[in-house]
Amino acid sequence: MPVSGLPPYDDGNIFARILRGEIPSRKVHEDEHALAFHDIAPQAPVHVLVIPKGSYVSVADFSAKASPEEVAGFWRAVGLVARQLGLEDQGFRVLTNMGSDAGQEVPHFHVHIFGGKPLGPMLARG
């Protein structure tokens, strides 16, 4: 059952297809809980996506339904990927979008890791 206000999970979304091996990706990391891969349209010199292996629409869905092991494993993978990419010393940003107002394009929970340059403010000011 979906979290209130969220659509049901769509097994045909691009990240589900990547997880099934139907679409190739440039993997950075994979374990039992998460898959990390380079974004196909990077918005920074380093732009990697980290997705859980479970069927979760958003961060709200993930936090409501994922097991404690999945939650811990996913966030450990995010930190591991940032370290593997050498981003800890210079800094990096972790971002997730939830819903259309936030710009979520793929209905599978994921985080973006950005780095490799000064990233500026989180949101446009004005």
N, C-alpha and C. Protein backbone atom coordinates (compact mmCIF):
# COMPACT_ATOMS: atom_id res chain seq x y z
N MET A 1 0.84 -1.18 0.00
CA MET A 1 0.00 0.00 0.00
C MET A 1 0.89 1.24 0.00
N PRO A 2 0.59 2.22 -0.87
CA PRO A 2 1.45 3.40 -0.95
C PRO A 2 1.29 4.29 0.28
N VAL A 3 2.33 5.06 0.57
CA VAL A 3 2.26 6.06 1.62
C VAL A 3 1.25 7.10 1.15
N SER A 4 0.46 7.63 2.06
CA SER A 4 -0.60 8.59 1.71
C SER A 4 -0.08 9.68 0.78
N GLY A 5 -0.79 9.90 -0.31
CA GLY A 5 -0.44 10.95 -1.25
C GLY A 5 0.59 10.57 -2.28
N LEU A 6 1.16 9.38 -2.20
CA LEU A 6 2.17 8.96 -3.16
C LEU A 6 1.60 7.92 -4.11
N PRO A 7 2.05 7.94 -5.35
CA PRO A 7 1.58 6.92 -6.29
C PRO A 7 2.16 5.56 -5.93
N PRO A 8 1.53 4.48 -6.40
CA PRO A 8 2.13 3.15 -6.18
C PRO A 8 3.43 3.03 -6.98
N TYR A 9 4.27 2.12 -6.57
CA TYR A 9 5.55 1.91 -7.25
C TYR A 9 5.31 1.38 -8.66
N ASP A 10 6.04 1.92 -9.63
CA ASP A 10 5.95 1.50 -11.03
C ASP A 10 7.19 0.68 -11.38
N ASP A 11 7.01 -0.64 -11.57
CA ASP A 11 8.14 -1.53 -11.90
C ASP A 11 8.78 -1.23 -13.25
N GLY A 12 8.16 -0.38 -14.04
CA GLY A 12 8.73 -0.05 -15.35
C GLY A 12 9.59 1.20 -15.34
N ASN A 13 9.80 1.83 -14.17
CA ASN A 13 10.62 3.05 -14.16
C ASN A 13 12.06 2.71 -14.51
N ILE A 14 12.80 3.71 -14.95
CA ILE A 14 14.15 3.48 -15.47
C ILE A 14 15.08 2.88 -14.42
N PHE A 15 14.94 3.28 -13.14
CA PHE A 15 15.83 2.73 -12.13
C PHE A 15 15.51 1.27 -11.83
N ALA A 16 14.24 0.90 -11.87
CA ALA A 16 13.87 -0.51 -11.72
C ALA A 16 14.48 -1.33 -12.86
N ARG A 17 14.46 -0.75 -14.06
CA ARG A 17 15.02 -1.45 -15.22
C ARG A 17 16.55 -1.56 -15.11
N ILE A 18 17.20 -0.53 -14.57
CA ILE A 18 18.64 -0.60 -14.34
C ILE A 18 18.95 -1.69 -13.31
N LEU A 19 18.17 -1.74 -12.23
CA LEU A 19 18.39 -2.77 -11.20
C LEU A 19 18.24 -4.18 -11.78
N ARG A 20 17.33 -4.35 -12.73
CA ARG A 20 17.14 -5.68 -13.34
C ARG A 20 18.15 -5.97 -14.44
N GLY A 21 19.02 -5.02 -14.76
CA GLY A 21 20.02 -5.22 -15.79
C GLY A 21 19.52 -5.01 -17.20
N GLU A 22 18.32 -4.46 -17.36
CA GLU A 22 17.75 -4.22 -18.69
C GLU A 22 18.36 -3.00 -19.36
N ILE A 23 18.86 -2.07 -18.56
CA ILE A 23 19.50 -0.85 -19.04
C ILE A 23 20.86 -0.78 -18.39
N PRO A 24 21.92 -0.56 -19.16
CA PRO A 24 23.25 -0.50 -18.56
C PRO A 24 23.46 0.78 -17.76
N SER A 25 24.40 0.72 -16.82
CA SER A 25 24.79 1.89 -16.06
C SER A 25 26.28 1.82 -15.79
N ARG A 26 26.87 2.97 -15.51
CA ARG A 26 28.28 3.01 -15.14
C ARG A 26 28.36 2.93 -13.62
N LYS A 27 28.45 1.71 -13.12
CA LYS A 27 28.39 1.46 -11.68
C LYS A 27 29.61 2.02 -10.96
N VAL A 28 29.32 2.55 -9.78
CA VAL A 28 30.35 3.01 -8.86
C VAL A 28 30.43 2.04 -7.69
N HIS A 29 29.27 1.54 -7.27
CA HIS A 29 29.20 0.65 -6.10
C HIS A 29 27.92 -0.16 -6.19
N GLU A 30 27.99 -1.40 -5.70
CA GLU A 30 26.79 -2.21 -5.57
C GLU A 30 26.96 -3.15 -4.40
N ASP A 31 25.92 -3.27 -3.60
CA ASP A 31 25.90 -4.25 -2.52
C ASP A 31 24.45 -4.74 -2.38
N GLU A 32 24.15 -5.44 -1.30
CA GLU A 32 22.82 -6.04 -1.17
C GLU A 32 21.71 -5.01 -1.00
N HIS A 33 22.04 -3.79 -0.59
CA HIS A 33 21.02 -2.78 -0.31
C HIS A 33 20.95 -1.64 -1.32
N ALA A 34 22.03 -1.38 -2.04
CA ALA A 34 22.08 -0.18 -2.88
C ALA A 34 22.90 -0.38 -4.14
N LEU A 35 22.60 0.46 -5.11
CA LEU A 35 23.37 0.54 -6.35
C LEU A 35 23.68 2.01 -6.57
N ALA A 36 24.94 2.31 -6.87
CA ALA A 36 25.37 3.68 -7.18
C ALA A 36 25.95 3.69 -8.59
N PHE A 37 25.59 4.71 -9.35
CA PHE A 37 26.06 4.81 -10.72
C PHE A 37 26.11 6.26 -11.15
N HIS A 38 26.92 6.54 -12.17
CA HIS A 38 27.07 7.90 -12.70
C HIS A 38 25.78 8.34 -13.40
N ASP A 39 25.40 9.59 -13.17
CA ASP A 39 24.23 10.17 -13.84
C ASP A 39 24.55 10.33 -15.33
N ILE A 40 23.57 10.08 -16.19
CA ILE A 40 23.81 10.20 -17.64
C ILE A 40 23.82 11.65 -18.11
N ALA A 41 23.33 12.58 -17.28
CA ALA A 41 23.34 14.00 -17.61
C ALA A 41 23.89 14.76 -16.40
N PRO A 42 25.20 14.63 -16.13
CA PRO A 42 25.75 15.19 -14.90
C PRO A 42 25.60 16.71 -14.81
N GLN A 43 25.31 17.17 -13.60
CA GLN A 43 25.16 18.59 -13.33
C GLN A 43 26.34 19.14 -12.52
N ALA A 44 27.34 18.33 -12.31
CA ALA A 44 28.58 18.72 -11.63
C ALA A 44 29.66 17.76 -12.12
N PRO A 45 30.94 18.09 -11.91
CA PRO A 45 32.00 17.17 -12.34
C PRO A 45 31.81 15.77 -11.78
N VAL A 46 31.33 15.65 -10.54
CA VAL A 46 30.95 14.36 -9.98
C VAL A 46 29.45 14.41 -9.73
N HIS A 47 28.73 13.49 -10.34
CA HIS A 47 27.27 13.41 -10.15
C HIS A 47 26.90 11.93 -10.22
N VAL A 48 26.69 11.36 -9.04
CA VAL A 48 26.39 9.95 -8.91
C VAL A 48 25.03 9.79 -8.25
N LEU A 49 24.27 8.82 -8.70
CA LEU A 49 22.98 8.48 -8.10
C LEU A 49 23.15 7.24 -7.25
N VAL A 50 22.49 7.23 -6.10
CA VAL A 50 22.47 6.05 -5.24
C VAL A 50 21.00 5.68 -5.05
N ILE A 51 20.68 4.42 -5.38
CA ILE A 51 19.30 3.96 -5.28
C ILE A 51 19.23 2.71 -4.41
N PRO A 52 18.16 2.59 -3.63
CA PRO A 52 18.00 1.35 -2.89
C PRO A 52 17.54 0.24 -3.83
N LYS A 53 17.80 -0.98 -3.47
CA LYS A 53 17.39 -2.10 -4.31
C LYS A 53 15.92 -2.45 -4.13
N GLY A 54 15.28 -1.94 -3.10
CA GLY A 54 13.86 -2.19 -2.89
C GLY A 54 13.00 -1.25 -3.71
N SER A 55 11.71 -1.56 -3.77
CA SER A 55 10.74 -0.80 -4.57
C SER A 55 10.12 0.32 -3.75
N TYR A 56 10.81 1.46 -3.70
CA TYR A 56 10.34 2.61 -2.93
C TYR A 56 10.20 3.82 -3.85
N VAL A 57 9.08 4.50 -3.75
CA VAL A 57 8.79 5.64 -4.62
C VAL A 57 9.60 6.87 -4.22
N SER A 58 9.75 7.11 -2.92
CA SER A 58 10.35 8.35 -2.44
C SER A 58 11.01 8.14 -1.10
N VAL A 59 11.62 9.19 -0.58
CA VAL A 59 12.22 9.12 0.75
C VAL A 59 11.15 8.87 1.80
N ALA A 60 9.95 9.42 1.63
CA ALA A 60 8.86 9.17 2.58
C ALA A 60 8.47 7.70 2.56
N ASP A 61 8.35 7.14 1.37
CA ASP A 61 8.01 5.73 1.21
C ASP A 61 9.10 4.85 1.82
N PHE A 62 10.35 5.16 1.52
CA PHE A 62 11.50 4.40 2.03
C PHE A 62 11.53 4.44 3.55
N SER A 63 11.38 5.63 4.13
CA SER A 63 11.48 5.75 5.59
C SER A 63 10.32 5.06 6.29
N ALA A 64 9.17 4.95 5.62
CA ALA A 64 8.01 4.29 6.21
C ALA A 64 8.04 2.77 6.09
N LYS A 65 8.63 2.26 5.01
CA LYS A 65 8.50 0.83 4.70
C LYS A 65 9.79 0.01 4.77
N ALA A 66 10.93 0.63 4.58
CA ALA A 66 12.19 -0.13 4.53
C ALA A 66 12.53 -0.69 5.90
N SER A 67 13.18 -1.84 5.90
CA SER A 67 13.64 -2.45 7.15
C SER A 67 14.79 -1.61 7.72
N PRO A 68 15.06 -1.74 9.01
CA PRO A 68 16.22 -1.03 9.58
C PRO A 68 17.52 -1.39 8.85
N GLU A 69 17.65 -2.64 8.42
CA GLU A 69 18.86 -3.06 7.69
C GLU A 69 18.97 -2.35 6.35
N GLU A 70 17.83 -2.21 5.65
CA GLU A 70 17.85 -1.51 4.36
C GLU A 70 18.21 -0.04 4.54
N VAL A 71 17.62 0.60 5.55
CA VAL A 71 17.89 2.02 5.79
C VAL A 71 19.38 2.22 6.12
N ALA A 72 19.88 1.44 7.05
CA ALA A 72 21.29 1.57 7.42
C ALA A 72 22.21 1.23 6.26
N GLY A 73 21.91 0.16 5.54
CA GLY A 73 22.75 -0.23 4.41
C GLY A 73 22.76 0.80 3.31
N PHE A 74 21.60 1.40 3.05
CA PHE A 74 21.52 2.43 2.00
C PHE A 74 22.38 3.63 2.38
N TRP A 75 22.19 4.17 3.58
CA TRP A 75 22.94 5.37 3.96
C TRP A 75 24.42 5.09 4.13
N ARG A 76 24.78 3.88 4.54
CA ARG A 76 26.20 3.52 4.57
C ARG A 76 26.78 3.53 3.16
N ALA A 77 26.01 3.06 2.20
CA ALA A 77 26.46 3.06 0.80
C ALA A 77 26.67 4.49 0.31
N VAL A 78 25.80 5.41 0.69
CA VAL A 78 25.96 6.82 0.28
C VAL A 78 27.30 7.34 0.80
N GLY A 79 27.59 7.12 2.08
CA GLY A 79 28.86 7.58 2.64
C GLY A 79 30.06 6.90 2.01
N LEU A 80 29.95 5.60 1.77
CA LEU A 80 31.04 4.85 1.14
C LEU A 80 31.34 5.38 -0.26
N VAL A 81 30.30 5.64 -1.03
CA VAL A 81 30.49 6.15 -2.39
C VAL A 81 31.18 7.52 -2.35
N ALA A 82 30.75 8.39 -1.46
CA ALA A 82 31.40 9.71 -1.35
C ALA A 82 32.88 9.55 -1.02
N ARG A 83 33.20 8.64 -0.12
CA ARG A 83 34.62 8.39 0.21
C ARG A 83 35.36 7.82 -0.99
N GLN A 84 34.76 6.83 -1.67
CA GLN A 84 35.41 6.22 -2.85
C GLN A 84 35.70 7.26 -3.93
N LEU A 85 34.83 8.24 -4.05
CA LEU A 85 35.00 9.28 -5.06
C LEU A 85 35.95 10.39 -4.61
N GLY A 86 36.45 10.31 -3.38
CA GLY A 86 37.40 11.29 -2.87
C GLY A 86 36.77 12.64 -2.56
N LEU A 87 35.51 12.65 -2.17
CA LEU A 87 34.81 13.92 -1.98
C LEU A 87 34.83 14.45 -0.55
N GLU A 88 35.26 13.66 0.40
CA GLU A 88 35.16 14.09 1.79
C GLU A 88 35.97 15.35 2.10
N ASP A 89 37.17 15.47 1.55
CA ASP A 89 38.02 16.63 1.88
C ASP A 89 37.52 17.92 1.25
N GLN A 90 37.04 17.85 0.02
CA GLN A 90 36.61 19.07 -0.66
C GLN A 90 35.16 19.42 -0.41
N GLY A 91 34.38 18.47 0.03
CA GLY A 91 32.96 18.70 0.28
C GLY A 91 32.10 18.18 -0.86
N PHE A 92 30.86 17.89 -0.54
CA PHE A 92 29.93 17.38 -1.53
C PHE A 92 28.51 17.65 -1.04
N ARG A 93 27.56 17.45 -1.90
CA ARG A 93 26.15 17.63 -1.56
C ARG A 93 25.41 16.33 -1.83
N VAL A 94 24.50 15.98 -0.93
CA VAL A 94 23.58 14.86 -1.11
C VAL A 94 22.19 15.46 -1.20
N LEU A 95 21.48 15.13 -2.26
CA LEU A 95 20.17 15.73 -2.50
C LEU A 95 19.17 14.66 -2.91
N THR A 96 17.97 14.77 -2.40
CA THR A 96 16.87 13.94 -2.89
C THR A 96 15.67 14.83 -3.14
N ASN A 97 14.95 14.53 -4.19
CA ASN A 97 13.73 15.24 -4.54
C ASN A 97 12.56 14.31 -4.28
N MET A 98 11.46 14.87 -3.76
CA MET A 98 10.26 14.06 -3.53
C MET A 98 9.07 14.79 -4.10
N GLY A 99 8.48 14.21 -5.13
CA GLY A 99 7.28 14.77 -5.73
C GLY A 99 7.57 15.77 -6.83
N SER A 100 6.53 16.12 -7.56
CA SER A 100 6.70 16.98 -8.74
C SER A 100 7.14 18.39 -8.38
N ASP A 101 6.67 18.96 -7.27
CA ASP A 101 7.08 20.31 -6.89
C ASP A 101 8.58 20.39 -6.60
N ALA A 102 9.17 19.29 -6.18
CA ALA A 102 10.60 19.26 -5.89
C ALA A 102 11.42 18.84 -7.10
N GLY A 103 10.75 18.43 -8.17
CA GLY A 103 11.47 18.05 -9.39
C GLY A 103 11.84 16.58 -9.47
N GLN A 104 11.17 15.71 -8.70
CA GLN A 104 11.48 14.28 -8.80
C GLN A 104 11.05 13.79 -10.18
N GLU A 105 12.01 13.26 -10.94
CA GLU A 105 11.74 12.82 -12.30
C GLU A 105 11.52 11.31 -12.41
N VAL A 106 12.13 10.54 -11.53
CA VAL A 106 12.00 9.09 -11.57
C VAL A 106 11.32 8.65 -10.27
N PRO A 107 10.21 7.92 -10.36
CA PRO A 107 9.48 7.51 -9.16
C PRO A 107 10.08 6.29 -8.46
N HIS A 108 11.38 6.39 -8.19
CA HIS A 108 12.11 5.39 -7.39
C HIS A 108 13.02 6.23 -6.50
N PHE A 109 12.92 6.04 -5.18
CA PHE A 109 13.75 6.82 -4.26
C PHE A 109 15.21 6.76 -4.68
N HIS A 110 15.84 7.92 -4.69
CA HIS A 110 17.25 7.99 -5.01
C HIS A 110 17.84 9.28 -4.44
N VAL A 111 19.14 9.26 -4.24
CA VAL A 111 19.85 10.47 -3.86
C VAL A 111 20.90 10.76 -4.92
N HIS A 112 21.15 12.05 -5.07
CA HIS A 112 22.21 12.53 -5.95
C HIS A 112 23.38 12.90 -5.05
N ILE A 113 24.58 12.52 -5.45
CA ILE A 113 25.80 13.00 -4.81
C ILE A 113 26.49 13.90 -5.83
N PHE A 114 26.67 15.17 -5.46
CA PHE A 114 27.32 16.16 -6.32
C PHE A 114 28.64 16.57 -5.69
N GLY A 115 29.64 16.78 -6.52
CA GLY A 115 30.92 17.28 -6.02
C GLY A 115 31.85 17.61 -7.16
N GLY A 116 33.08 17.93 -6.79
CA GLY A 116 34.10 18.22 -7.79
C GLY A 116 34.24 19.68 -8.15
N LYS A 117 33.42 20.55 -7.53
CA LYS A 117 33.52 21.99 -7.75
C LYS A 117 32.72 22.68 -6.65
N PRO A 118 32.93 23.99 -6.44
CA PRO A 118 32.07 24.70 -5.51
C PRO A 118 30.63 24.66 -6.04
N LEU A 119 29.71 24.30 -5.17
CA LEU A 119 28.33 24.07 -5.61
C LEU A 119 27.39 25.25 -5.39
N GLY A 120 27.81 26.25 -4.66
CA GLY A 120 26.97 27.43 -4.46
C GLY A 120 25.83 27.14 -3.49
N PRO A 121 24.85 28.06 -3.44
CA PRO A 121 23.73 27.89 -2.51
C PRO A 121 22.86 26.72 -2.90
N MET A 122 22.13 26.19 -1.91
CA MET A 122 21.25 25.04 -2.17
C MET A 122 20.12 25.40 -3.12
N LEU A 123 19.53 26.56 -2.95
CA LEU A 123 18.43 27.01 -3.80
C LEU A 123 18.77 28.36 -4.39
N ALA A 124 18.21 28.63 -5.56
CA ALA A 124 18.39 29.97 -6.15
C ALA A 124 17.80 31.00 -5.20
N ARG A 125 18.50 32.08 -5.03
CA ARG A 125 18.02 33.13 -4.14
C ARG A 125 17.25 34.15 -4.95
N GLY A 126 16.24 34.69 -4.31
CA GLY A 126 15.52 35.75 -5.03
C GLY A 126 14.06 35.75 -4.81
